[in-house]
């Protein structure tokens, strides 16, 4: 899942439990819609991508740079203290808030498209609550 700086979901991809996350990094980045804002030429991508050590890969860093995205990914086998944890908290908080929906916390559906629809519904409810009520 990719979220903005406030924790609002921008894109999510559903994979199997035995699929490594880094294999879906580039499709997930490509799934982020065009960013809207001020009048003029809209931003086509996010400017910076924050990720944990599981996404540390030089080919993926090169692909992100080719797309105009600055990767801020902690290097493997280095000491902690990179400072990315305080930004990663937003993503972990979003996952925790989506787990308040019982059907997303434990997957009961056998078909992936049903679970993906529930994930999109959960993200829509999350965004609606944040926009209209200012809370989660």
N, C-alpha and C. Protein backbone atom coordinates (compact mmCIF):
# COMPACT_ATOMS: atom_id res chain seq x y z
N UNK A 1 0.84 -1.18 0.00
CA UNK A 1 0.00 0.00 0.00
C UNK A 1 0.89 1.24 0.00
N UNK A 2 0.52 2.22 -0.79
CA UNK A 2 1.21 3.51 -0.81
C UNK A 2 0.25 4.54 -0.23
N UNK A 3 0.73 5.32 0.74
CA UNK A 3 -0.08 6.37 1.34
C UNK A 3 0.62 7.71 1.17
N UNK A 4 -0.15 8.78 1.32
CA UNK A 4 0.46 10.10 1.30
C UNK A 4 1.00 10.42 2.68
N UNK A 5 1.48 11.64 2.88
CA UNK A 5 2.11 12.02 4.14
C UNK A 5 1.14 12.02 5.31
N UNK A 6 -0.16 12.07 5.03
CA UNK A 6 -1.16 12.08 6.09
C UNK A 6 -1.74 10.71 6.35
N UNK A 7 -1.32 9.71 5.61
CA UNK A 7 -1.82 8.36 5.80
C UNK A 7 -3.00 8.01 4.93
N UNK A 8 -3.39 8.88 4.00
CA UNK A 8 -4.50 8.57 3.12
C UNK A 8 -4.02 7.60 2.04
N UNK A 9 -4.69 6.46 1.86
CA UNK A 9 -4.25 5.49 0.87
C UNK A 9 -4.33 6.04 -0.55
N UNK A 10 -3.27 5.83 -1.32
CA UNK A 10 -3.23 6.24 -2.72
C UNK A 10 -3.38 5.05 -3.65
N UNK A 11 -2.80 3.92 -3.28
CA UNK A 11 -2.89 2.72 -4.11
C UNK A 11 -2.63 1.50 -3.23
N UNK A 12 -3.27 0.39 -3.58
CA UNK A 12 -3.07 -0.87 -2.87
C UNK A 12 -3.14 -2.01 -3.87
N UNK A 13 -2.32 -3.02 -3.65
CA UNK A 13 -2.32 -4.21 -4.49
C UNK A 13 -2.43 -5.42 -3.56
N UNK A 14 -3.25 -6.37 -3.95
CA UNK A 14 -3.45 -7.59 -3.18
C UNK A 14 -2.60 -8.69 -3.79
N UNK A 15 -1.79 -9.35 -2.96
CA UNK A 15 -0.97 -10.48 -3.42
C UNK A 15 -1.16 -11.64 -2.46
N UNK A 16 -0.64 -12.77 -2.84
CA UNK A 16 -0.67 -13.93 -1.97
C UNK A 16 0.32 -13.77 -0.83
N UNK A 17 0.12 -14.55 0.20
CA UNK A 17 1.00 -14.46 1.37
C UNK A 17 2.41 -14.95 1.07
N UNK A 18 2.56 -15.80 0.06
CA UNK A 18 3.88 -16.33 -0.27
C UNK A 18 4.60 -15.50 -1.32
N UNK A 19 4.10 -14.33 -1.66
CA UNK A 19 4.70 -13.43 -2.65
C UNK A 19 5.51 -12.36 -1.93
N UNK A 20 6.77 -12.21 -2.29
CA UNK A 20 7.60 -11.20 -1.64
C UNK A 20 7.14 -9.80 -2.05
N UNK A 21 7.18 -8.87 -1.10
CA UNK A 21 6.67 -7.52 -1.34
C UNK A 21 7.44 -6.77 -2.42
N UNK A 22 8.73 -6.99 -2.52
CA UNK A 22 9.54 -6.20 -3.45
C UNK A 22 9.17 -6.49 -4.90
N UNK A 23 8.57 -7.65 -5.18
CA UNK A 23 8.18 -7.96 -6.55
C UNK A 23 7.03 -7.08 -7.02
N UNK A 24 6.28 -6.50 -6.09
CA UNK A 24 5.14 -5.66 -6.44
C UNK A 24 5.42 -4.17 -6.27
N UNK A 25 6.67 -3.80 -6.00
CA UNK A 25 7.01 -2.40 -5.78
C UNK A 25 6.71 -1.54 -7.00
N UNK A 26 7.23 -1.91 -8.15
CA UNK A 26 7.05 -1.09 -9.34
C UNK A 26 5.60 -1.09 -9.85
N UNK A 27 4.89 -2.24 -9.86
CA UNK A 27 3.47 -2.17 -10.23
C UNK A 27 2.65 -1.30 -9.27
N UNK A 28 3.01 -1.30 -8.00
CA UNK A 28 2.30 -0.48 -7.03
C UNK A 28 2.56 1.01 -7.27
N UNK A 29 3.79 1.35 -7.59
CA UNK A 29 4.13 2.75 -7.90
C UNK A 29 3.39 3.19 -9.17
N UNK A 30 3.30 2.29 -10.15
CA UNK A 30 2.58 2.62 -11.39
C UNK A 30 1.08 2.74 -11.17
N UNK A 31 0.55 2.13 -10.10
CA UNK A 31 -0.89 2.17 -9.83
C UNK A 31 -1.33 3.48 -9.17
N UNK A 32 -0.38 4.30 -8.71
CA UNK A 32 -0.74 5.57 -8.07
C UNK A 32 -1.30 6.51 -9.13
N UNK A 33 -2.50 7.06 -8.90
CA UNK A 33 -3.09 7.95 -9.90
C UNK A 33 -2.36 9.29 -9.96
N UNK A 34 -2.65 10.07 -10.98
CA UNK A 34 -2.07 11.39 -11.14
C UNK A 34 -2.44 12.27 -9.94
N UNK A 35 -1.46 12.98 -9.43
CA UNK A 35 -1.68 13.84 -8.27
C UNK A 35 -2.27 15.16 -8.74
N UNK A 36 -3.40 15.52 -8.15
CA UNK A 36 -4.06 16.77 -8.52
C UNK A 36 -3.74 17.83 -7.50
N UNK A 37 -3.75 19.06 -7.93
CA UNK A 37 -3.44 20.15 -7.02
C UNK A 37 -3.69 21.49 -7.67
N UNK A 38 -2.69 22.34 -7.63
CA UNK A 38 -2.82 23.67 -8.19
C UNK A 38 -3.02 23.62 -9.70
N UNK A 39 -3.54 24.70 -10.24
CA UNK A 39 -3.76 24.78 -11.68
C UNK A 39 -2.42 24.71 -12.41
N UNK A 40 -2.46 24.13 -13.58
CA UNK A 40 -1.24 23.98 -14.36
C UNK A 40 -0.97 22.52 -14.63
N UNK A 41 0.24 22.22 -14.97
CA UNK A 41 0.61 20.84 -15.28
C UNK A 41 0.57 20.01 -14.00
N UNK A 42 -0.24 18.96 -13.96
CA UNK A 42 -0.32 18.17 -12.73
C UNK A 42 0.92 17.30 -12.54
N UNK A 43 1.22 17.00 -11.30
CA UNK A 43 2.30 16.07 -11.01
C UNK A 43 1.87 14.68 -11.44
N UNK A 44 2.75 13.95 -12.07
CA UNK A 44 2.38 12.62 -12.52
C UNK A 44 2.76 11.55 -11.50
N UNK A 45 3.68 11.84 -10.64
CA UNK A 45 4.15 10.87 -9.66
C UNK A 45 4.42 11.56 -8.33
N UNK A 46 4.54 10.73 -7.32
CA UNK A 46 4.98 11.25 -6.03
C UNK A 46 6.46 11.56 -6.15
N UNK A 47 6.97 12.45 -5.34
CA UNK A 47 8.36 12.85 -5.44
C UNK A 47 9.33 11.95 -4.72
N UNK A 48 8.89 11.39 -3.59
CA UNK A 48 9.77 10.57 -2.76
C UNK A 48 9.04 9.31 -2.33
N UNK A 49 9.74 8.19 -2.29
CA UNK A 49 9.18 6.94 -1.82
C UNK A 49 9.96 6.49 -0.60
N UNK A 50 9.27 6.31 0.52
CA UNK A 50 9.89 5.81 1.75
C UNK A 50 9.56 4.34 1.90
N UNK A 51 10.56 3.52 2.19
CA UNK A 51 10.34 2.08 2.33
C UNK A 51 11.31 1.52 3.36
N UNK A 52 11.00 0.33 3.85
CA UNK A 52 11.88 -0.30 4.82
C UNK A 52 12.93 -1.16 4.11
N UNK A 53 13.74 -1.87 4.90
CA UNK A 53 14.86 -2.63 4.35
C UNK A 53 14.43 -3.77 3.42
N UNK A 54 13.20 -4.21 3.52
CA UNK A 54 12.73 -5.29 2.65
C UNK A 54 12.71 -4.90 1.18
N UNK A 55 12.70 -3.62 0.89
CA UNK A 55 12.64 -3.13 -0.49
C UNK A 55 14.01 -2.69 -1.00
N UNK A 56 15.07 -2.97 -0.26
CA UNK A 56 16.41 -2.54 -0.65
C UNK A 56 16.91 -3.38 -1.82
N UNK A 57 16.99 -2.75 -2.98
CA UNK A 57 17.47 -3.41 -4.19
C UNK A 57 17.95 -2.33 -5.14
N UNK A 58 19.18 -2.46 -5.61
CA UNK A 58 19.73 -1.44 -6.51
C UNK A 58 18.97 -1.36 -7.84
N UNK A 59 18.54 -2.48 -8.45
CA UNK A 59 17.74 -2.34 -9.68
C UNK A 59 16.42 -1.60 -9.46
N UNK A 60 15.78 -1.83 -8.31
CA UNK A 60 14.53 -1.12 -8.03
C UNK A 60 14.79 0.37 -7.77
N UNK A 61 15.89 0.67 -7.10
CA UNK A 61 16.25 2.08 -6.90
C UNK A 61 16.46 2.77 -8.26
N UNK A 62 17.13 2.08 -9.17
CA UNK A 62 17.38 2.66 -10.49
C UNK A 62 16.06 2.87 -11.25
N UNK A 63 15.15 1.91 -11.16
CA UNK A 63 13.85 2.05 -11.83
C UNK A 63 13.05 3.21 -11.24
N UNK A 64 13.11 3.38 -9.92
CA UNK A 64 12.40 4.50 -9.29
C UNK A 64 12.99 5.83 -9.74
N UNK A 65 14.31 5.92 -9.81
CA UNK A 65 14.95 7.16 -10.27
C UNK A 65 14.61 7.45 -11.73
N UNK A 66 14.51 6.39 -12.55
CA UNK A 66 14.13 6.56 -13.94
C UNK A 66 12.71 7.13 -14.06
N UNK A 67 11.85 6.80 -13.09
CA UNK A 67 10.49 7.32 -13.07
C UNK A 67 10.41 8.71 -12.42
N UNK A 68 11.53 9.24 -11.98
CA UNK A 68 11.54 10.58 -11.37
C UNK A 68 11.19 10.57 -9.90
N UNK A 69 11.34 9.43 -9.23
CA UNK A 69 11.02 9.28 -7.81
C UNK A 69 12.32 9.10 -7.04
N UNK A 70 12.47 9.87 -5.96
CA UNK A 70 13.65 9.74 -5.12
C UNK A 70 13.40 8.64 -4.10
N UNK A 71 14.16 7.53 -4.15
CA UNK A 71 13.95 6.46 -3.17
C UNK A 71 14.68 6.77 -1.86
N UNK A 72 13.96 6.67 -0.76
CA UNK A 72 14.56 6.77 0.58
C UNK A 72 14.32 5.43 1.25
N UNK A 73 15.18 4.48 0.92
CA UNK A 73 15.05 3.11 1.39
C UNK A 73 16.28 2.80 2.24
N UNK A 74 16.03 2.30 3.45
CA UNK A 74 17.13 1.95 4.34
C UNK A 74 17.93 0.79 3.73
N UNK A 75 19.24 0.84 3.89
CA UNK A 75 20.10 -0.22 3.36
C UNK A 75 20.10 -1.41 4.31
N UNK A 76 20.17 -2.60 3.72
CA UNK A 76 20.27 -3.81 4.54
C UNK A 76 21.64 -3.89 5.19
N UNK A 77 21.69 -4.61 6.30
CA UNK A 77 22.92 -4.88 7.02
C UNK A 77 23.61 -3.61 7.50
N UNK A 78 22.83 -2.58 7.78
CA UNK A 78 23.35 -1.36 8.38
C UNK A 78 22.65 -1.17 9.71
N UNK A 79 23.22 -0.33 10.55
CA UNK A 79 22.63 -0.08 11.85
C UNK A 79 21.33 0.70 11.70
N UNK A 80 20.46 0.53 12.68
CA UNK A 80 19.23 1.31 12.70
C UNK A 80 19.57 2.76 13.03
N UNK A 81 18.62 3.63 12.83
CA UNK A 81 18.86 5.04 13.12
C UNK A 81 18.89 5.89 11.87
N UNK A 82 18.33 5.36 10.78
CA UNK A 82 18.30 6.14 9.54
C UNK A 82 17.29 7.28 9.62
N UNK A 83 16.38 7.22 10.60
CA UNK A 83 15.38 8.27 10.76
C UNK A 83 14.12 8.04 9.95
N UNK A 84 14.06 6.94 9.18
CA UNK A 84 12.90 6.68 8.35
C UNK A 84 11.72 6.14 9.17
N UNK A 85 11.97 5.67 10.37
CA UNK A 85 10.92 5.08 11.19
C UNK A 85 9.80 6.04 11.52
N UNK A 86 10.11 7.30 11.74
CA UNK A 86 9.05 8.25 12.08
C UNK A 86 8.16 8.53 10.88
N UNK A 87 8.66 8.36 9.67
CA UNK A 87 7.82 8.51 8.49
C UNK A 87 7.09 7.21 8.17
N UNK A 88 7.72 6.07 8.44
CA UNK A 88 7.09 4.78 8.20
C UNK A 88 5.91 4.56 9.14
N UNK A 89 5.87 5.27 10.25
CA UNK A 89 4.77 5.14 11.20
C UNK A 89 3.43 5.42 10.54
N UNK A 90 3.40 6.33 9.59
CA UNK A 90 2.15 6.69 8.90
C UNK A 90 1.59 5.47 8.17
N UNK A 91 2.45 4.70 7.50
CA UNK A 91 2.00 3.52 6.78
C UNK A 91 1.52 2.45 7.75
N UNK A 92 2.29 2.23 8.82
CA UNK A 92 1.89 1.23 9.80
C UNK A 92 0.58 1.62 10.48
N UNK A 93 0.37 2.89 10.71
CA UNK A 93 -0.88 3.37 11.30
C UNK A 93 -2.05 3.11 10.35
N UNK A 94 -1.85 3.30 9.07
CA UNK A 94 -2.89 3.05 8.08
C UNK A 94 -3.25 1.58 8.05
N UNK A 95 -2.25 0.70 8.11
CA UNK A 95 -2.53 -0.74 8.15
C UNK A 95 -3.33 -1.09 9.40
N UNK A 96 -2.96 -0.51 10.53
CA UNK A 96 -3.69 -0.78 11.77
C UNK A 96 -5.13 -0.30 11.69
N UNK A 97 -5.36 0.84 11.07
CA UNK A 97 -6.72 1.35 10.94
C UNK A 97 -7.56 0.51 9.98
N UNK A 98 -6.93 -0.05 8.96
CA UNK A 98 -7.67 -0.94 8.06
C UNK A 98 -8.00 -2.27 8.75
N UNK A 99 -7.21 -2.64 9.74
CA UNK A 99 -7.48 -3.89 10.47
C UNK A 99 -8.66 -3.76 11.42
N UNK A 100 -9.22 -2.57 11.57
CA UNK A 100 -10.43 -2.46 12.39
C UNK A 100 -11.63 -3.08 11.67
N UNK A 101 -11.51 -3.30 10.37
CA UNK A 101 -12.54 -4.00 9.62
C UNK A 101 -12.24 -5.50 9.71
N UNK A 102 -13.15 -6.25 10.29
CA UNK A 102 -12.93 -7.66 10.58
C UNK A 102 -12.57 -8.47 9.34
N UNK A 103 -13.21 -8.20 8.24
CA UNK A 103 -12.96 -8.96 7.02
C UNK A 103 -11.59 -8.67 6.41
N UNK A 104 -10.98 -7.56 6.78
CA UNK A 104 -9.63 -7.26 6.30
C UNK A 104 -8.57 -7.77 7.26
N UNK A 105 -8.93 -7.89 8.52
CA UNK A 105 -7.97 -8.36 9.52
C UNK A 105 -7.63 -9.83 9.27
N UNK A 106 -8.65 -10.64 9.05
CA UNK A 106 -8.47 -12.05 8.75
C UNK A 106 -9.17 -12.33 7.43
N UNK A 107 -8.45 -12.91 6.51
CA UNK A 107 -9.05 -13.16 5.19
C UNK A 107 -9.90 -14.42 5.23
N UNK A 108 -11.20 -14.24 5.09
CA UNK A 108 -12.13 -15.35 5.05
C UNK A 108 -12.51 -15.74 3.63
N UNK A 109 -12.37 -14.84 2.69
CA UNK A 109 -12.80 -15.09 1.32
C UNK A 109 -11.77 -15.94 0.58
N UNK A 110 -12.25 -16.86 -0.21
CA UNK A 110 -11.35 -17.69 -1.00
C UNK A 110 -10.95 -17.02 -2.30
N UNK A 111 -11.81 -16.15 -2.80
CA UNK A 111 -11.53 -15.47 -4.06
C UNK A 111 -10.85 -14.12 -3.80
N UNK A 112 -9.79 -13.87 -4.54
CA UNK A 112 -9.02 -12.66 -4.33
C UNK A 112 -9.76 -11.39 -4.66
N UNK A 113 -10.61 -11.43 -5.69
CA UNK A 113 -11.29 -10.21 -6.11
C UNK A 113 -12.29 -9.74 -5.05
N UNK A 114 -12.83 -10.65 -4.26
CA UNK A 114 -13.73 -10.24 -3.18
C UNK A 114 -12.94 -9.51 -2.09
N UNK A 115 -11.80 -10.07 -1.72
CA UNK A 115 -10.98 -9.43 -0.69
C UNK A 115 -10.45 -8.09 -1.19
N UNK A 116 -10.09 -8.02 -2.47
CA UNK A 116 -9.61 -6.75 -3.03
C UNK A 116 -10.71 -5.70 -3.02
N UNK A 117 -11.94 -6.11 -3.30
CA UNK A 117 -13.07 -5.17 -3.24
C UNK A 117 -13.30 -4.68 -1.81
N UNK A 118 -13.16 -5.57 -0.84
CA UNK A 118 -13.31 -5.15 0.56
C UNK A 118 -12.18 -4.22 0.98
N UNK A 119 -10.98 -4.45 0.45
CA UNK A 119 -9.86 -3.56 0.74
C UNK A 119 -10.12 -2.17 0.17
N UNK A 120 -10.62 -2.10 -1.05
CA UNK A 120 -10.93 -0.80 -1.65
C UNK A 120 -12.06 -0.11 -0.91
N UNK A 121 -13.05 -0.87 -0.46
CA UNK A 121 -14.13 -0.30 0.33
C UNK A 121 -13.61 0.22 1.66
N UNK A 122 -12.73 -0.53 2.31
CA UNK A 122 -12.13 -0.06 3.55
C UNK A 122 -11.33 1.22 3.37
N UNK A 123 -10.58 1.31 2.27
CA UNK A 123 -9.82 2.53 1.98
C UNK A 123 -10.75 3.70 1.72
N UNK A 124 -11.87 3.45 1.01
CA UNK A 124 -12.82 4.52 0.74
C UNK A 124 -13.47 5.02 2.03
N UNK A 125 -13.84 4.11 2.92
CA UNK A 125 -14.42 4.50 4.21
C UNK A 125 -13.40 5.28 5.03
N UNK A 126 -12.16 4.82 5.01
CA UNK A 126 -11.08 5.50 5.72
C UNK A 126 -10.91 6.94 5.22
N UNK A 127 -10.89 7.11 3.88
CA UNK A 127 -10.74 8.46 3.30
C UNK A 127 -11.95 9.33 3.60
N UNK A 128 -13.16 8.74 3.52
CA UNK A 128 -14.37 9.51 3.80
C UNK A 128 -14.38 9.99 5.25
N UNK A 129 -14.01 9.13 6.18
CA UNK A 129 -13.97 9.53 7.59
C UNK A 129 -12.95 10.63 7.83
N UNK A 130 -11.80 10.48 7.22
CA UNK A 130 -10.74 11.49 7.39
C UNK A 130 -11.18 12.84 6.81
N UNK A 131 -11.82 12.81 5.66
CA UNK A 131 -12.22 14.05 4.99
C UNK A 131 -13.38 14.73 5.70
N UNK A 132 -14.40 13.98 6.07
CA UNK A 132 -15.61 14.58 6.62
C UNK A 132 -15.57 14.82 8.13
N UNK A 133 -14.86 13.98 8.83
CA UNK A 133 -14.90 14.07 10.29
C UNK A 133 -13.55 14.44 10.91
N UNK A 134 -12.50 14.34 10.16
CA UNK A 134 -11.19 14.71 10.67
C UNK A 134 -10.59 13.67 11.60
N UNK A 135 -11.16 12.48 11.65
CA UNK A 135 -10.59 11.40 12.46
C UNK A 135 -10.62 10.13 11.65
N UNK A 136 -10.18 9.07 12.25
CA UNK A 136 -10.04 7.81 11.52
C UNK A 136 -11.25 6.98 11.74
